[in-house]
Amino acid sequence: MTTTSARPQLRRAPTSSRTDAAVSDRPRFHLAIPVDDLDRARRFYGELLGCPEGRSSSHWVDFDLYGHQVVAHLDDQHSIGRAADVNNSVDGDDVPVPHFGVILDPPLWQALADRLSNAGTDFVIEPRTRFRGTPGEQSTMFLRDPAGNALEFKAFADDDAVFAPFTSHPDS
């Protein structure tokens, strides 16, 4: 007699890098972040980054970040900044962890980099190219919003290589 487990069976990953979780007609994400001042969040996301504002209340604001929904939630528990000093070394840069961001087309990335530079933005990592000559070659820049949340904007030299593995380890 064969017994079956009540637990669902895990599927093995397909040989392709695409999985059900990676396939969508509308690849968008939703991210809720803590902020300590909604007016400052509106100036940063709405005015500086140019994100259209969606719905809002006295405790949160929706922003359209290049087609993705970022929601700035007022942090009444004053927990902002607890993880702000954690970094991980990536291609010689101290990358803030946690962070979130958007992958843009190169011309759009360059236009944003120029706009932020011209506005006197205090970058965590100045606009630059990392992993030159590898499948992961990308332009990147990091900055923090007024509440200390870290954002990364990047553009890949080859958009088809976003998930391509390195042919050799980049830290070697």
C-alpha atoms as a PDB file:
ATOM      1  CA  MET A   1       0.000   0.000   0.000  1.00  0.00           C
ATOM      2  CA  THR A   2       1.309   3.418  -0.950  1.00  0.00           C
ATOM      3  CA  THR A   3       0.680   6.375   1.309  1.00  0.00           C
ATOM      4  CA  THR A   4       0.534   9.916   0.102  1.00  0.00           C
ATOM      5  CA  SER A   5       1.548  12.960   2.006  1.00  0.00           C
ATOM      6  CA  ALA A   6      -0.942  15.727   2.664  1.00  0.00           C
ATOM      7  CA  ARG A   7       1.796  18.225   1.828  1.00  0.00           C
ATOM      8  CA  PRO A   8       1.891  19.474  -1.754  1.00  0.00           C
ATOM      9  CA  GLN A   9       4.697  18.093  -3.863  1.00  0.00           C
ATOM     10  CA  LEU A  10       7.295  20.591  -5.007  1.00  0.00           C
ATOM     11  CA  ARG A  11       7.915  20.819  -8.730  1.00  0.00           C
ATOM     12  CA  ARG A  12      11.423  20.628 -10.061  1.00  0.00           C
ATOM     13  CA  ALA A  13      12.541  23.770 -11.813  1.00  0.00           C
ATOM     14  CA  PRO A  14      12.307  23.505 -15.591  1.00  0.00           C
ATOM     15  CA  THR A  15      15.513  23.476 -17.589  1.00  0.00           C
ATOM     16  CA  SER A  16      14.566  26.899 -18.913  1.00  0.00           C
ATOM     17  CA  SER A  17      15.011  29.875 -16.608  1.00  0.00           C
ATOM     18  CA  ARG A  18      11.303  30.712 -17.099  1.00  0.00           C
ATOM     19  CA  THR A  19       8.849  29.474 -14.491  1.00  0.00           C
ATOM     20  CA  ASP A  20       5.161  30.083 -13.932  1.00  0.00           C
ATOM     21  CA  ALA A  21       6.121  32.833 -11.481  1.00  0.00           C
ATOM     22  CA  ALA A  22       8.163  34.610 -14.167  1.00  0.00           C
ATOM     23  CA  VAL A  23       5.510  34.631 -16.897  1.00  0.00           C
ATOM     24  CA  SER A  24       3.005  37.450 -17.035  1.00  0.00           C
ATOM     25  CA  ASP A  25       1.333  39.479 -19.735  1.00  0.00           C
ATOM     26  CA  ARG A  26       1.770  42.459 -17.406  1.00  0.00           C
ATOM     27  CA  PRO A  27       5.033  42.165 -15.510  1.00  0.00           C
ATOM     28  CA  ARG A  28       4.477  44.630 -12.664  1.00  0.00           C
ATOM     29  CA  PHE A  29       5.244  44.665  -8.988  1.00  0.00           C
ATOM     30  CA  HIS A  30       3.620  46.245  -5.959  1.00  0.00           C
ATOM     31  CA  LEU A  31       5.824  47.433  -3.126  1.00  0.00           C
ATOM     32  CA  ALA A  32       4.812  49.119   0.123  1.00  0.00           C
ATOM     33  CA  ILE A  33       7.521  51.153   1.848  1.00  0.00           C
ATOM     34  CA  PRO A  34       7.608  53.065   5.139  1.00  0.00           C
ATOM     35  CA  VAL A  35       7.993  56.850   5.087  1.00  0.00           C
ATOM     36  CA  ASP A  36       8.027  59.407   7.889  1.00  0.00           C
ATOM     37  CA  ASP A  37       6.482  62.314   5.940  1.00  0.00           C
ATOM     38  CA  LEU A  38       3.964  61.972   3.091  1.00  0.00           C
ATOM     39  CA  ASP A  39       4.611  65.494   1.776  1.00  0.00           C
ATOM     40  CA  ARG A  40       8.355  64.774   1.449  1.00  0.00           C
ATOM     41  CA  ALA A  41       7.500  61.442  -0.209  1.00  0.00           C
ATOM     42  CA  ARG A  42       5.282  63.302  -2.686  1.00  0.00           C
ATOM     43  CA  ARG A  43       8.085  65.754  -3.506  1.00  0.00           C
ATOM     44  CA  PHE A  44      10.665  62.968  -3.937  1.00  0.00           C
ATOM     45  CA  TYR A  45       8.604  60.396  -5.864  1.00  0.00           C
ATOM     46  CA  GLY A  46       6.194  62.777  -7.572  1.00  0.00           C
ATOM     47  CA  GLU A  47       8.343  65.802  -8.363  1.00  0.00           C
ATOM     48  CA  LEU A  48      11.966  64.584  -8.434  1.00  0.00           C
ATOM     49  CA  LEU A  49      11.412  61.110  -9.927  1.00  0.00           C
ATOM     50  CA  GLY A  50       8.340  62.176 -11.925  1.00  0.00           C
ATOM     51  CA  CYS A  51       6.039  59.389 -10.682  1.00  0.00           C
ATOM     52  CA  PRO A  52       2.334  60.109 -11.206  1.00  0.00           C
ATOM     53  CA  GLU A  53       0.330  59.919  -8.000  1.00  0.00           C
ATOM     54  CA  GLY A  54      -2.543  57.456  -7.763  1.00  0.00           C
ATOM     55  CA  ARG A  55      -4.901  56.894  -4.855  1.00  0.00           C
ATOM     56  CA  SER A  56      -4.057  58.226  -1.416  1.00  0.00           C
ATOM     57  CA  SER A  57      -5.310  58.681   2.123  1.00  0.00           C
ATOM     58  CA  SER A  58      -3.985  60.524   5.153  1.00  0.00           C
ATOM     59  CA  HIS A  59      -1.721  57.506   5.820  1.00  0.00           C
ATOM     60  CA  TRP A  60      -0.502  56.368   2.379  1.00  0.00           C
ATOM     61  CA  VAL A  61       0.093  57.452  -1.228  1.00  0.00           C
ATOM     62  CA  ASP A  62       0.254  55.300  -4.400  1.00  0.00           C
ATOM     63  CA  PHE A  63       2.889  56.194  -7.001  1.00  0.00           C
ATOM     64  CA  ASP A  64       3.286  54.874 -10.553  1.00  0.00           C
ATOM     65  CA  LEU A  65       7.016  54.050 -10.758  1.00  0.00           C
ATOM     66  CA  TYR A  66       7.497  53.196 -14.449  1.00  0.00           C
ATOM     67  CA  GLY A  67       4.331  51.094 -14.475  1.00  0.00           C
ATOM     68  CA  HIS A  68       4.868  49.561 -11.028  1.00  0.00           C
ATOM     69  CA  GLN A  69       2.865  50.418  -7.912  1.00  0.00           C
ATOM     70  CA  VAL A  70       4.928  51.811  -5.047  1.00  0.00           C
ATOM     71  CA  VAL A  71       2.921  52.733  -1.975  1.00  0.00           C
ATOM     72  CA  ALA A  72       4.430  55.103   0.591  1.00  0.00           C
ATOM     73  CA  HIS A  73       2.902  54.215   3.979  1.00  0.00           C
ATOM     74  CA  LEU A  74       3.239  56.613   6.899  1.00  0.00           C
ATOM     75  CA  ASP A  75       5.257  54.813   9.589  1.00  0.00           C
ATOM     76  CA  ASP A  76       3.545  55.530  12.904  1.00  0.00           C
ATOM     77  CA  GLN A  77       5.841  53.117  14.786  1.00  0.00           C
ATOM     78  CA  HIS A  78       8.998  55.096  13.900  1.00  0.00           C
ATOM     79  CA  SER A  79      10.802  51.988  12.658  1.00  0.00           C
ATOM     80  CA  ILE A  80      12.416  53.766   9.691  1.00  0.00           C
ATOM     81  CA  GLY A  81      16.159  53.423   9.371  1.00  0.00           C
ATOM     82  CA  ARG A  82      16.616  50.200  11.340  1.00  0.00           C
ATOM     83  CA  ALA A  83      18.147  48.407   8.336  1.00  0.00           C
ATOM     84  CA  ALA A  84      19.576  51.514   6.647  1.00  0.00           C
ATOM     85  CA  ASP A  85      23.214  50.775   7.488  1.00  0.00           C
ATOM     86  CA  VAL A  86      23.418  47.222   6.056  1.00  0.00           C
ATOM     87  CA  ASN A  87      25.552  46.964   2.892  1.00  0.00           C
ATOM     88  CA  ASN A  88      26.800  44.215   0.603  1.00  0.00           C
ATOM     89  CA  SER A  89      29.811  44.560  -1.691  1.00  0.00           C
ATOM     90  CA  VAL A  90      28.871  44.301  -5.382  1.00  0.00           C
ATOM     91  CA  ASP A  91      31.519  44.974  -8.035  1.00  0.00           C
ATOM     92  CA  GLY A  92      33.420  47.263  -5.672  1.00  0.00           C
ATOM     93  CA  ASP A  93      30.409  49.223  -4.403  1.00  0.00           C
ATOM     94  CA  ASP A  94      28.764  49.074  -0.971  1.00  0.00           C
ATOM     95  CA  VAL A  95      25.204  48.312  -2.069  1.00  0.00           C
ATOM     96  CA  PRO A  96      22.515  49.163   0.500  1.00  0.00           C
ATOM     97  CA  VAL A  97      20.423  46.216   1.687  1.00  0.00           C
ATOM     98  CA  PRO A  98      17.482  46.272   1.524  1.00  0.00           C
ATOM     99  CA  HIS A  99      16.761  48.235  -1.628  1.00  0.00           C
ATOM    100  CA  PHE A 100      14.307  48.167  -4.512  1.00  0.00           C
ATOM    101  CA  GLY A 101      14.414  49.503  -8.010  1.00  0.00           C
ATOM    102  CA  VAL A 102      13.432  49.401 -11.634  1.00  0.00           C
ATOM    103  CA  ILE A 103      15.168  48.160 -14.778  1.00  0.00           C
ATOM    104  CA  LEU A 104      14.849  50.833 -17.464  1.00  0.00           C
ATOM    105  CA  ASP A 105      15.771  51.055 -21.135  1.00  0.00           C
ATOM    106  CA  PRO A 106      19.224  52.696 -21.493  1.00  0.00           C
ATOM    107  CA  PRO A 107      17.971  56.035 -22.931  1.00  0.00           C
ATOM    108  CA  LEU A 108      15.376  56.360 -20.153  1.00  0.00           C
ATOM    109  CA  TRP A 109      18.016  55.452 -17.532  1.00  0.00           C
ATOM    110  CA  GLN A 110      20.387  58.103 -18.929  1.00  0.00           C
ATOM    111  CA  ALA A 111      17.641  60.751 -18.938  1.00  0.00           C
ATOM    112  CA  LEU A 112      16.825  59.953 -15.295  1.00  0.00           C
ATOM    113  CA  ALA A 113      20.530  59.961 -14.329  1.00  0.00           C
ATOM    114  CA  ASP A 114      20.928  63.370 -15.982  1.00  0.00           C
ATOM    115  CA  ARG A 115      17.790  64.758 -14.286  1.00  0.00           C
ATOM    116  CA  LEU A 116      18.874  63.500 -10.858  1.00  0.00           C
ATOM    117  CA  SER A 117      22.446  64.778 -11.318  1.00  0.00           C
ATOM    118  CA  ASN A 118      21.202  68.187 -12.475  1.00  0.00           C
ATOM    119  CA  ALA A 119      18.930  68.348  -9.412  1.00  0.00           C
ATOM    120  CA  GLY A 120      21.973  67.878  -7.144  1.00  0.00           C
ATOM    121  CA  THR A 121      20.923  64.428  -5.915  1.00  0.00           C
ATOM    122  CA  ASP A 122      23.069  62.963  -3.149  1.00  0.00           C
ATOM    123  CA  PHE A 123      23.697  59.517  -4.659  1.00  0.00           C
ATOM    124  CA  VAL A 124      24.585  56.505  -2.524  1.00  0.00           C
ATOM    125  CA  ILE A 125      26.292  55.125  -5.653  1.00  0.00           C
ATOM    126  CA  GLU A 126      26.869  57.598  -8.487  1.00  0.00           C
ATOM    127  CA  PRO A 127      25.613  56.627 -11.960  1.00  0.00           C
ATOM    128  CA  ARG A 128      28.095  54.152 -13.414  1.00  0.00           C
ATOM    129  CA  THR A 129      28.512  50.925 -15.388  1.00  0.00           C
ATOM    130  CA  ARG A 130      29.260  47.709 -13.526  1.00  0.00           C
ATOM    131  CA  PHE A 131      30.200  44.197 -14.664  1.00  0.00           C
ATOM    132  CA  ARG A 132      31.708  45.540 -17.907  1.00  0.00           C
ATOM    133  CA  GLY A 133      32.209  42.900 -20.573  1.00  0.00           C
ATOM    134  CA  THR A 134      30.016  40.310 -18.826  1.00  0.00           C
ATOM    135  CA  PRO A 135      26.473  39.110 -19.570  1.00  0.00           C
ATOM    136  CA  GLY A 136      25.326  41.236 -16.609  1.00  0.00           C
ATOM    137  CA  GLU A 137      26.821  44.532 -17.808  1.00  0.00           C
ATOM    138  CA  GLN A 138      24.558  47.297 -16.552  1.00  0.00           C
ATOM    139  CA  SER A 139      24.340  50.985 -15.833  1.00  0.00           C
ATOM    140  CA  THR A 140      23.289  51.573 -12.236  1.00  0.00           C
ATOM    141  CA  MET A 141      22.738  54.281  -9.651  1.00  0.00           C
ATOM    142  CA  PHE A 142      21.526  54.239  -6.054  1.00  0.00           C
ATOM    143  CA  LEU A 143      19.881  56.938  -3.988  1.00  0.00           C
ATOM    144  CA  ARG A 144      17.723  57.183  -0.880  1.00  0.00           C
ATOM    145  CA  ASP A 145      14.305  58.728  -0.561  1.00  0.00           C
ATOM    146  CA  PRO A 146      13.753  61.258   2.262  1.00  0.00           C
ATOM    147  CA  ALA A 147      12.767  58.425   4.654  1.00  0.00           C
ATOM    148  CA  GLY A 148      16.014  56.524   3.954  1.00  0.00           C
ATOM    149  CA  ASN A 149      14.625  53.804   1.644  1.00  0.00           C
ATOM    150  CA  ALA A 150      17.283  52.828  -0.902  1.00  0.00           C
ATOM    151  CA  LEU A 151      16.375  52.768  -4.600  1.00  0.00           C
ATOM    152  CA  GLU A 152      18.343  51.388  -7.538  1.00  0.00           C
ATOM    153  CA  PHE A 153      17.738  52.283 -11.156  1.00  0.00           C
ATOM    154  CA  LYS A 154      19.536  50.154 -13.724  1.00  0.00           C
ATOM    155  CA  ALA A 155      19.699  49.490 -17.457  1.00  0.00           C
ATOM    156  CA  PHE A 156      21.266  46.396 -18.972  1.00  0.00           C
ATOM    157  CA  ALA A 157      23.534  46.607 -22.010  1.00  0.00           C
ATOM    158  CA  ASP A 158      21.681  43.499 -23.274  1.00  0.00           C
ATOM    159  CA  ASP A 159      18.113  43.327 -21.988  1.00  0.00           C
ATOM    160  CA  ASP A 160      17.983  39.607 -22.846  1.00  0.00           C
ATOM    161  CA  ALA A 161      20.785  39.023 -20.310  1.00  0.00           C
ATOM    162  CA  VAL A 162      18.917  40.279 -17.228  1.00  0.00           C
ATOM    163  CA  PHE A 163      18.852  36.751 -15.757  1.00  0.00           C
ATOM    164  CA  ALA A 164      21.907  35.346 -17.572  1.00  0.00           C
ATOM    165  CA  PRO A 165      24.503  33.777 -15.266  1.00  0.00           C
ATOM    166  CA  PHE A 166      28.063  35.046 -15.210  1.00  0.00           C
ATOM    167  CA  THR A 167      30.501  32.979 -17.265  1.00  0.00           C
ATOM    168  CA  SER A 168      33.007  33.502 -14.440  1.00  0.00           C
ATOM    169  CA  HIS A 169      32.390  34.744 -10.911  1.00  0.00           C
ATOM    170  CA  PRO A 170      32.500  38.577 -10.873  1.00  0.00           C
ATOM    171  CA  ASP A 171      34.298  38.683  -7.501  1.00  0.00           C
ATOM    172  CA  SER A 172      37.237  36.568  -8.695  1.00  0.00           C
END
